[in-house]
Amino acid sequence: MASSTDSSAAVDDKVRRLYERYQSAESDEERHEIALEMGKLDGRRHTEIYAALENE
C-alpha cells in the first residue's frame, strides 16, 4: 500500500510542476500541451485508485 501512496505523491508533484509551467506559459499552444500532459497523469492516477479499490 505504501507504494501506491508513494506513486500518488510522485504524480501530485509532477502535476504541481506542470501547473506551475502552465501558469507561466507564454502561448495558448504551450498551455494546451501542458494541459494534455496533466490529463495523462491524472488518468494514470485514477487507474491506480480503481486498481487499489478492487484489491481491498
N, C-alpha and C. Protein backbone atom coordinates (compact mmCIF):
# COMPACT_ATOMS: atom_id res chain seq x y z
N MET A 1 0.82 -1.20 0.00
CA MET A 1 0.00 0.00 0.00
C MET A 1 0.86 1.25 0.00
N ALA A 2 2.02 1.19 0.62
CA ALA A 2 2.89 2.36 0.66
C ALA A 2 3.33 2.78 -0.73
N SER A 3 3.55 1.79 -1.62
CA SER A 3 3.99 2.13 -2.97
C SER A 3 2.90 2.89 -3.71
N SER A 4 1.64 2.56 -3.46
CA SER A 4 0.53 3.29 -4.08
C SER A 4 0.52 4.73 -3.59
N THR A 5 0.74 4.92 -2.30
CA THR A 5 0.79 6.26 -1.74
C THR A 5 1.98 7.03 -2.29
N ASP A 6 3.13 6.35 -2.38
CA ASP A 6 4.33 6.98 -2.93
C ASP A 6 4.12 7.41 -4.37
N SER A 7 3.50 6.54 -5.18
CA SER A 7 3.29 6.88 -6.58
C SER A 7 2.28 8.01 -6.72
N SER A 8 1.29 8.06 -5.84
CA SER A 8 0.33 9.16 -5.87
C SER A 8 1.01 10.48 -5.53
N ALA A 9 1.93 10.45 -4.56
CA ALA A 9 2.66 11.66 -4.19
C ALA A 9 3.55 12.11 -5.35
N ALA A 10 4.16 11.15 -6.05
CA ALA A 10 5.00 11.48 -7.20
C ALA A 10 4.16 12.12 -8.30
N VAL A 11 2.98 11.58 -8.54
CA VAL A 11 2.08 12.15 -9.55
C VAL A 11 1.66 13.55 -9.13
N ASP A 12 1.33 13.74 -7.85
CA ASP A 12 0.96 15.06 -7.35
C ASP A 12 2.08 16.07 -7.60
N ASP A 13 3.32 15.66 -7.35
CA ASP A 13 4.47 16.55 -7.58
C ASP A 13 4.60 16.91 -9.06
N LYS A 14 4.43 15.91 -9.92
CA LYS A 14 4.52 16.17 -11.36
C LYS A 14 3.42 17.12 -11.82
N VAL A 15 2.20 16.88 -11.33
CA VAL A 15 1.08 17.75 -11.70
C VAL A 15 1.33 19.17 -11.20
N ARG A 16 1.86 19.30 -9.99
CA ARG A 16 2.15 20.62 -9.43
C ARG A 16 3.17 21.36 -10.31
N ARG A 17 4.22 20.65 -10.73
CA ARG A 17 5.22 21.27 -11.59
C ARG A 17 4.63 21.66 -12.94
N LEU A 18 3.79 20.77 -13.49
CA LEU A 18 3.14 21.09 -14.76
C LEU A 18 2.24 22.30 -14.61
N TYR A 19 1.52 22.40 -13.50
CA TYR A 19 0.64 23.54 -13.28
C TYR A 19 1.44 24.84 -13.19
N GLU A 20 2.60 24.77 -12.55
CA GLU A 20 3.45 25.96 -12.47
C GLU A 20 3.92 26.36 -13.87
N ARG A 21 4.27 25.36 -14.69
CA ARG A 21 4.65 25.66 -16.08
C ARG A 21 3.46 26.25 -16.84
N TYR A 22 2.27 25.71 -16.58
CA TYR A 22 1.06 26.19 -17.23
C TYR A 22 0.84 27.67 -16.91
N GLN A 23 1.02 28.02 -15.63
CA GLN A 23 0.82 29.39 -15.19
C GLN A 23 1.77 30.36 -15.89
N SER A 24 3.00 29.90 -16.17
CA SER A 24 3.99 30.78 -16.77
C SER A 24 4.09 30.64 -18.29
N ALA A 25 3.24 29.80 -18.87
CA ALA A 25 3.28 29.59 -20.33
C ALA A 25 2.99 30.90 -21.05
N GLU A 26 3.65 31.07 -22.18
CA GLU A 26 3.52 32.31 -22.92
C GLU A 26 2.54 32.23 -24.08
N SER A 27 2.09 31.01 -24.42
CA SER A 27 1.17 30.89 -25.55
C SER A 27 0.06 29.90 -25.22
N ASP A 28 -1.05 30.04 -25.93
CA ASP A 28 -2.15 29.09 -25.77
C ASP A 28 -1.73 27.69 -26.18
N GLU A 29 -0.89 27.59 -27.20
CA GLU A 29 -0.42 26.29 -27.66
C GLU A 29 0.38 25.59 -26.56
N GLU A 30 1.26 26.33 -25.91
CA GLU A 30 2.05 25.77 -24.81
C GLU A 30 1.15 25.34 -23.66
N ARG A 31 0.17 26.16 -23.32
CA ARG A 31 -0.78 25.80 -22.24
C ARG A 31 -1.56 24.54 -22.61
N HIS A 32 -1.94 24.43 -23.87
CA HIS A 32 -2.70 23.26 -24.33
C HIS A 32 -1.86 21.99 -24.17
N GLU A 33 -0.59 22.03 -24.59
CA GLU A 33 0.29 20.88 -24.47
C GLU A 33 0.47 20.47 -23.00
N ILE A 34 0.64 21.45 -22.14
CA ILE A 34 0.81 21.17 -20.71
C ILE A 34 -0.47 20.57 -20.13
N ALA A 35 -1.62 21.09 -20.54
CA ALA A 35 -2.90 20.56 -20.05
C ALA A 35 -3.06 19.10 -20.48
N LEU A 36 -2.63 18.76 -21.69
CA LEU A 36 -2.71 17.37 -22.13
C LEU A 36 -1.82 16.47 -21.27
N GLU A 37 -0.62 16.93 -20.94
CA GLU A 37 0.27 16.17 -20.06
C GLU A 37 -0.37 15.96 -18.70
N MET A 38 -0.99 17.01 -18.16
CA MET A 38 -1.64 16.91 -16.85
C MET A 38 -2.78 15.90 -16.92
N GLY A 39 -3.53 15.90 -18.00
CA GLY A 39 -4.62 14.95 -18.16
C GLY A 39 -4.14 13.51 -18.19
N LYS A 40 -3.02 13.27 -18.86
CA LYS A 40 -2.46 11.91 -18.90
C LYS A 40 -2.07 11.46 -17.50
N LEU A 41 -1.41 12.33 -16.75
CA LEU A 41 -1.01 11.97 -15.39
C LEU A 41 -2.23 11.71 -14.52
N ASP A 42 -3.26 12.54 -14.65
CA ASP A 42 -4.46 12.37 -13.85
C ASP A 42 -5.16 11.07 -14.20
N GLY A 43 -5.17 10.73 -15.47
CA GLY A 43 -5.77 9.47 -15.91
C GLY A 43 -5.08 8.28 -15.29
N ARG A 44 -3.74 8.33 -15.22
CA ARG A 44 -2.99 7.24 -14.59
C ARG A 44 -3.31 7.14 -13.12
N ARG A 45 -3.47 8.29 -12.47
CA ARG A 45 -3.79 8.28 -11.04
C ARG A 45 -5.15 7.62 -10.81
N HIS A 46 -6.12 7.93 -11.65
CA HIS A 46 -7.44 7.32 -11.50
C HIS A 46 -7.37 5.82 -11.72
N THR A 47 -6.54 5.38 -12.65
CA THR A 47 -6.37 3.95 -12.89
C THR A 47 -5.82 3.28 -11.64
N GLU A 48 -4.83 3.92 -11.00
CA GLU A 48 -4.25 3.36 -9.77
C GLU A 48 -5.28 3.31 -8.64
N ILE A 49 -6.10 4.34 -8.55
CA ILE A 49 -7.12 4.37 -7.50
C ILE A 49 -8.11 3.22 -7.68
N TYR A 50 -8.59 3.03 -8.92
CA TYR A 50 -9.55 1.95 -9.16
C TYR A 50 -8.93 0.58 -8.92
N ALA A 51 -7.67 0.40 -9.28
CA ALA A 51 -6.98 -0.86 -9.04
C ALA A 51 -6.87 -1.12 -7.54
N ALA A 52 -6.54 -0.09 -6.77
CA ALA A 52 -6.42 -0.24 -5.31
C ALA A 52 -7.78 -0.60 -4.70
N LEU A 53 -8.85 0.01 -5.20
CA LEU A 53 -10.17 -0.29 -4.68
C LEU A 53 -10.57 -1.73 -4.96
N GLU A 54 -10.20 -2.24 -6.13
CA GLU A 54 -10.52 -3.62 -6.47
C GLU A 54 -9.77 -4.60 -5.56
N ASN A 55 -8.61 -4.20 -5.07
CA ASN A 55 -7.81 -5.08 -4.23
C ASN A 55 -8.21 -5.04 -2.76
N GLU A 56 -9.09 -4.13 -2.38
CA GLU A 56 -9.49 -4.04 -0.97
C GLU A 56 -10.50 -5.09 -0.62
